[in-house]
Amino acid sequence: MTSSLSAGEYLRIVTTSQPRRRVLVTGGGSFLGDYIAAALVAEGADVTLLVRPGAEDHLGGLAERVRWATADVWNPASLRGRRAPINASCIPSAA
């Protein structure tokens, strides 16, 4: 049986049935990454964004509502010393 839930309905079910959820979203500063992060924040999640160097200016008002770090997932050296929030879900955006 397939689910007919929209993404927003699914997020609402997941975030309301669990304590405040910690989520790491890659692709911050991109259209898709920022959209996903904003939707999660609206649902009450504690969001950390991984932002590619140079894309920090694209965060706009979202920068004040989430934690964010500058790094590039394709450059392992930029990830050294960083770690995902403990017990966090990770949502890689395709941006």
N, C-alpha and C. Protein backbone atom coordinates (compact mmCIF):
# COMPACT_ATOMS: atom_id res chain seq x y z
N MET A 1 0.84 -1.17 0.00
CA MET A 1 0.00 0.00 0.00
C MET A 1 0.89 1.24 0.00
N THR A 2 0.64 2.17 -0.86
CA THR A 2 1.46 3.39 -0.93
C THR A 2 0.82 4.50 -0.11
N SER A 3 1.66 5.39 0.36
CA SER A 3 1.19 6.51 1.18
C SER A 3 0.81 7.68 0.27
N SER A 4 -0.25 8.38 0.63
CA SER A 4 -0.66 9.54 -0.15
C SER A 4 -0.41 10.83 0.63
N LEU A 5 0.51 10.77 1.61
CA LEU A 5 0.83 11.96 2.40
C LEU A 5 1.71 12.90 1.61
N SER A 6 1.45 14.20 1.72
CA SER A 6 2.35 15.18 1.12
C SER A 6 3.57 15.30 2.02
N ALA A 7 4.62 15.95 1.52
CA ALA A 7 5.84 16.13 2.32
C ALA A 7 5.53 16.91 3.59
N GLY A 8 4.70 17.94 3.49
CA GLY A 8 4.34 18.74 4.66
C GLY A 8 3.58 17.93 5.70
N GLU A 9 2.66 17.08 5.23
CA GLU A 9 1.90 16.24 6.15
C GLU A 9 2.82 15.23 6.83
N TYR A 10 3.74 14.66 6.07
CA TYR A 10 4.69 13.71 6.64
C TYR A 10 5.55 14.38 7.70
N LEU A 11 6.09 15.58 7.40
CA LEU A 11 6.91 16.31 8.37
C LEU A 11 6.10 16.63 9.62
N ARG A 12 4.84 16.99 9.46
CA ARG A 12 3.99 17.31 10.60
C ARG A 12 3.81 16.09 11.49
N ILE A 13 3.59 14.93 10.90
CA ILE A 13 3.41 13.71 11.68
C ILE A 13 4.70 13.36 12.41
N VAL A 14 5.81 13.39 11.69
CA VAL A 14 7.10 13.03 12.28
C VAL A 14 7.47 13.98 13.40
N THR A 15 7.32 15.28 13.20
CA THR A 15 7.79 16.24 14.19
C THR A 15 6.83 16.39 15.37
N THR A 16 5.55 16.10 15.19
CA THR A 16 4.63 16.24 16.31
C THR A 16 4.59 14.99 17.17
N SER A 17 5.01 13.86 16.62
CA SER A 17 4.97 12.62 17.39
C SER A 17 6.29 12.35 18.11
N GLN A 18 7.25 13.22 17.97
CA GLN A 18 8.55 13.03 18.61
C GLN A 18 8.94 14.31 19.33
N PRO A 19 9.88 14.19 20.30
CA PRO A 19 10.39 15.41 20.92
C PRO A 19 11.12 16.26 19.87
N ARG A 20 11.44 17.50 20.23
CA ARG A 20 12.10 18.41 19.28
C ARG A 20 13.21 17.69 18.53
N ARG A 21 13.07 17.61 17.25
CA ARG A 21 13.95 16.84 16.39
C ARG A 21 15.15 17.66 15.96
N ARG A 22 16.33 17.06 16.02
CA ARG A 22 17.55 17.73 15.56
C ARG A 22 17.88 17.20 14.17
N VAL A 23 18.06 18.12 13.23
CA VAL A 23 18.26 17.73 11.83
C VAL A 23 19.44 18.50 11.24
N LEU A 24 20.30 17.78 10.53
CA LEU A 24 21.39 18.39 9.77
C LEU A 24 20.99 18.36 8.30
N VAL A 25 20.96 19.53 7.66
CA VAL A 25 20.60 19.64 6.25
C VAL A 25 21.83 20.14 5.49
N THR A 26 22.27 19.37 4.50
CA THR A 26 23.35 19.83 3.65
C THR A 26 22.75 20.67 2.53
N GLY A 27 23.56 21.49 1.90
CA GLY A 27 23.06 22.30 0.79
C GLY A 27 22.43 23.61 1.24
N GLY A 28 22.80 24.09 2.43
CA GLY A 28 22.31 25.39 2.89
C GLY A 28 22.79 26.48 1.94
N GLY A 29 21.96 27.46 1.71
CA GLY A 29 22.31 28.53 0.78
C GLY A 29 21.83 28.23 -0.63
N SER A 30 21.28 27.03 -0.84
CA SER A 30 20.70 26.69 -2.15
C SER A 30 19.18 26.75 -2.02
N PHE A 31 18.49 26.82 -3.13
CA PHE A 31 17.03 26.90 -3.12
C PHE A 31 16.43 25.72 -2.37
N LEU A 32 16.83 24.50 -2.74
CA LEU A 32 16.25 23.31 -2.14
C LEU A 32 16.63 23.15 -0.67
N GLY A 33 17.92 23.33 -0.36
CA GLY A 33 18.36 23.20 1.02
C GLY A 33 17.67 24.19 1.94
N ASP A 34 17.55 25.43 1.51
CA ASP A 34 16.89 26.45 2.32
C ASP A 34 15.40 26.17 2.46
N TYR A 35 14.76 25.68 1.42
CA TYR A 35 13.34 25.35 1.47
C TYR A 35 13.09 24.23 2.48
N ILE A 36 13.91 23.19 2.42
CA ILE A 36 13.78 22.07 3.36
C ILE A 36 14.01 22.56 4.79
N ALA A 37 15.06 23.36 5.00
CA ALA A 37 15.36 23.87 6.34
C ALA A 37 14.23 24.73 6.87
N ALA A 38 13.68 25.62 6.05
CA ALA A 38 12.59 26.49 6.48
C ALA A 38 11.35 25.67 6.85
N ALA A 39 11.06 24.63 6.08
CA ALA A 39 9.91 23.77 6.39
C ALA A 39 10.11 23.04 7.71
N LEU A 40 11.32 22.57 7.95
CA LEU A 40 11.62 21.88 9.21
C LEU A 40 11.54 22.83 10.40
N VAL A 41 12.06 24.05 10.24
CA VAL A 41 11.98 25.05 11.32
C VAL A 41 10.52 25.37 11.61
N ALA A 42 9.71 25.51 10.57
CA ALA A 42 8.29 25.81 10.75
C ALA A 42 7.57 24.70 11.52
N GLU A 43 8.08 23.48 11.40
CA GLU A 43 7.50 22.35 12.10
C GLU A 43 8.10 22.15 13.48
N GLY A 44 9.03 23.03 13.88
CA GLY A 44 9.58 22.97 15.23
C GLY A 44 10.89 22.23 15.38
N ALA A 45 11.52 21.86 14.28
CA ALA A 45 12.79 21.13 14.36
C ALA A 45 13.94 22.07 14.69
N ASP A 46 14.96 21.53 15.32
CA ASP A 46 16.20 22.23 15.62
C ASP A 46 17.15 21.92 14.45
N VAL A 47 17.35 22.89 13.55
CA VAL A 47 18.04 22.66 12.28
C VAL A 47 19.46 23.22 12.29
N THR A 48 20.39 22.41 11.79
CA THR A 48 21.75 22.85 11.52
C THR A 48 21.95 22.72 10.02
N LEU A 49 22.42 23.80 9.37
CA LEU A 49 22.67 23.80 7.93
C LEU A 49 24.16 23.70 7.65
N LEU A 50 24.52 22.90 6.68
CA LEU A 50 25.88 22.86 6.18
C LEU A 50 25.88 23.67 4.89
N VAL A 51 26.63 24.78 4.89
CA VAL A 51 26.60 25.74 3.80
C VAL A 51 27.93 25.71 3.06
N ARG A 52 27.87 25.62 1.74
CA ARG A 52 29.08 25.64 0.92
C ARG A 52 29.73 27.02 1.00
N PRO A 53 31.07 27.08 1.09
CA PRO A 53 31.74 28.38 1.14
C PRO A 53 31.30 29.28 -0.02
N GLY A 54 30.97 30.52 0.31
CA GLY A 54 30.52 31.48 -0.69
C GLY A 54 29.01 31.59 -0.79
N ALA A 55 28.29 30.64 -0.18
CA ALA A 55 26.82 30.66 -0.26
C ALA A 55 26.18 31.25 0.99
N GLU A 56 26.99 31.71 1.93
CA GLU A 56 26.46 32.23 3.19
C GLU A 56 25.48 33.39 2.98
N ASP A 57 25.74 34.22 2.00
CA ASP A 57 24.89 35.38 1.74
C ASP A 57 23.49 35.00 1.26
N HIS A 58 23.34 33.78 0.77
CA HIS A 58 22.04 33.32 0.26
C HIS A 58 21.10 32.88 1.37
N LEU A 59 21.59 32.78 2.61
CA LEU A 59 20.75 32.30 3.71
C LEU A 59 19.67 33.29 4.10
N GLY A 60 19.94 34.58 3.95
CA GLY A 60 18.96 35.60 4.31
C GLY A 60 18.53 35.47 5.76
N GLY A 61 17.22 35.60 6.00
CA GLY A 61 16.66 35.53 7.35
C GLY A 61 16.77 34.16 7.99
N LEU A 62 16.97 33.14 7.18
CA LEU A 62 17.11 31.79 7.71
C LEU A 62 18.33 31.67 8.61
N ALA A 63 19.36 32.46 8.34
CA ALA A 63 20.60 32.41 9.12
C ALA A 63 20.37 32.70 10.60
N GLU A 64 19.30 33.44 10.90
CA GLU A 64 18.99 33.78 12.29
C GLU A 64 18.13 32.74 12.98
N ARG A 65 17.57 31.80 12.22
CA ARG A 65 16.67 30.81 12.80
C ARG A 65 17.27 29.42 12.91
N VAL A 66 18.47 29.23 12.36
CA VAL A 66 19.13 27.92 12.38
C VAL A 66 20.59 28.09 12.79
N ARG A 67 21.21 26.98 13.18
CA ARG A 67 22.67 26.97 13.32
C ARG A 67 23.21 26.64 11.94
N TRP A 68 24.35 27.20 11.59
CA TRP A 68 24.93 26.86 10.30
C TRP A 68 26.45 26.87 10.38
N ALA A 69 27.05 26.06 9.52
CA ALA A 69 28.50 25.96 9.44
C ALA A 69 28.89 25.94 7.97
N THR A 70 30.03 26.54 7.68
CA THR A 70 30.52 26.56 6.30
C THR A 70 31.46 25.39 6.08
N ALA A 71 31.15 24.58 5.10
CA ALA A 71 31.99 23.43 4.72
C ALA A 71 31.48 22.92 3.38
N ASP A 72 32.29 22.12 2.73
CA ASP A 72 31.93 21.54 1.44
C ASP A 72 32.02 20.02 1.57
N VAL A 73 30.90 19.32 1.41
CA VAL A 73 30.91 17.86 1.58
C VAL A 73 31.82 17.17 0.57
N TRP A 74 32.16 17.82 -0.53
CA TRP A 74 33.06 17.23 -1.52
C TRP A 74 34.52 17.49 -1.18
N ASN A 75 34.78 18.25 -0.13
CA ASN A 75 36.14 18.54 0.31
C ASN A 75 36.30 18.06 1.76
N PRO A 76 36.78 16.84 1.96
CA PRO A 76 36.87 16.29 3.31
C PRO A 76 37.66 17.17 4.28
N ALA A 77 38.64 17.90 3.80
CA ALA A 77 39.43 18.77 4.69
C ALA A 77 38.56 19.85 5.32
N SER A 78 37.53 20.31 4.61
CA SER A 78 36.67 21.37 5.16
C SER A 78 35.73 20.84 6.25
N LEU A 79 35.61 19.52 6.34
CA LEU A 79 34.73 18.91 7.35
C LEU A 79 35.47 18.54 8.63
N ARG A 80 36.79 18.60 8.61
CA ARG A 80 37.55 18.22 9.80
C ARG A 80 37.18 19.09 10.99
N GLY A 81 37.00 18.46 12.13
CA GLY A 81 36.65 19.19 13.33
C GLY A 81 35.18 19.49 13.46
N ARG A 82 34.39 19.09 12.48
CA ARG A 82 32.94 19.32 12.53
C ARG A 82 32.28 17.96 12.72
N ARG A 83 31.16 17.99 13.38
CA ARG A 83 30.40 16.77 13.52
C ARG A 83 28.92 17.10 13.52
N ALA A 84 28.13 16.13 13.15
CA ALA A 84 26.68 16.31 13.14
C ALA A 84 26.18 16.39 14.58
N PRO A 85 25.10 17.11 14.80
CA PRO A 85 24.52 17.12 16.15
C PRO A 85 24.21 15.69 16.59
N ILE A 86 24.44 15.41 17.85
CA ILE A 86 24.17 14.06 18.37
C ILE A 86 22.70 13.74 18.21
N ASN A 87 22.41 12.51 17.78
CA ASN A 87 21.04 12.04 17.57
C ASN A 87 20.31 12.87 16.52
N ALA A 88 20.99 13.30 15.49
CA ALA A 88 20.36 14.11 14.44
C ALA A 88 20.06 13.25 13.22
N SER A 89 18.99 13.62 12.53
CA SER A 89 18.74 13.07 11.22
C SER A 89 19.53 13.90 10.23
N CYS A 90 19.95 13.30 9.13
CA CYS A 90 20.70 14.06 8.12
C CYS A 90 19.91 14.03 6.83
N ILE A 91 19.65 15.23 6.28
CA ILE A 91 18.90 15.33 5.03
C ILE A 91 19.79 15.99 4.00
N PRO A 92 20.35 15.20 3.08
CA PRO A 92 21.17 15.83 2.03
C PRO A 92 20.25 16.39 0.95
N SER A 93 20.41 17.65 0.61
CA SER A 93 19.62 18.20 -0.49
C SER A 93 20.37 17.94 -1.78
N ALA A 94 19.68 17.91 -2.86
CA ALA A 94 20.30 17.62 -4.15
C ALA A 94 20.76 18.88 -4.85
N ALA A 95 21.04 19.92 -4.10
CA ALA A 95 21.43 21.18 -4.71
C ALA A 95 22.91 21.26 -4.94
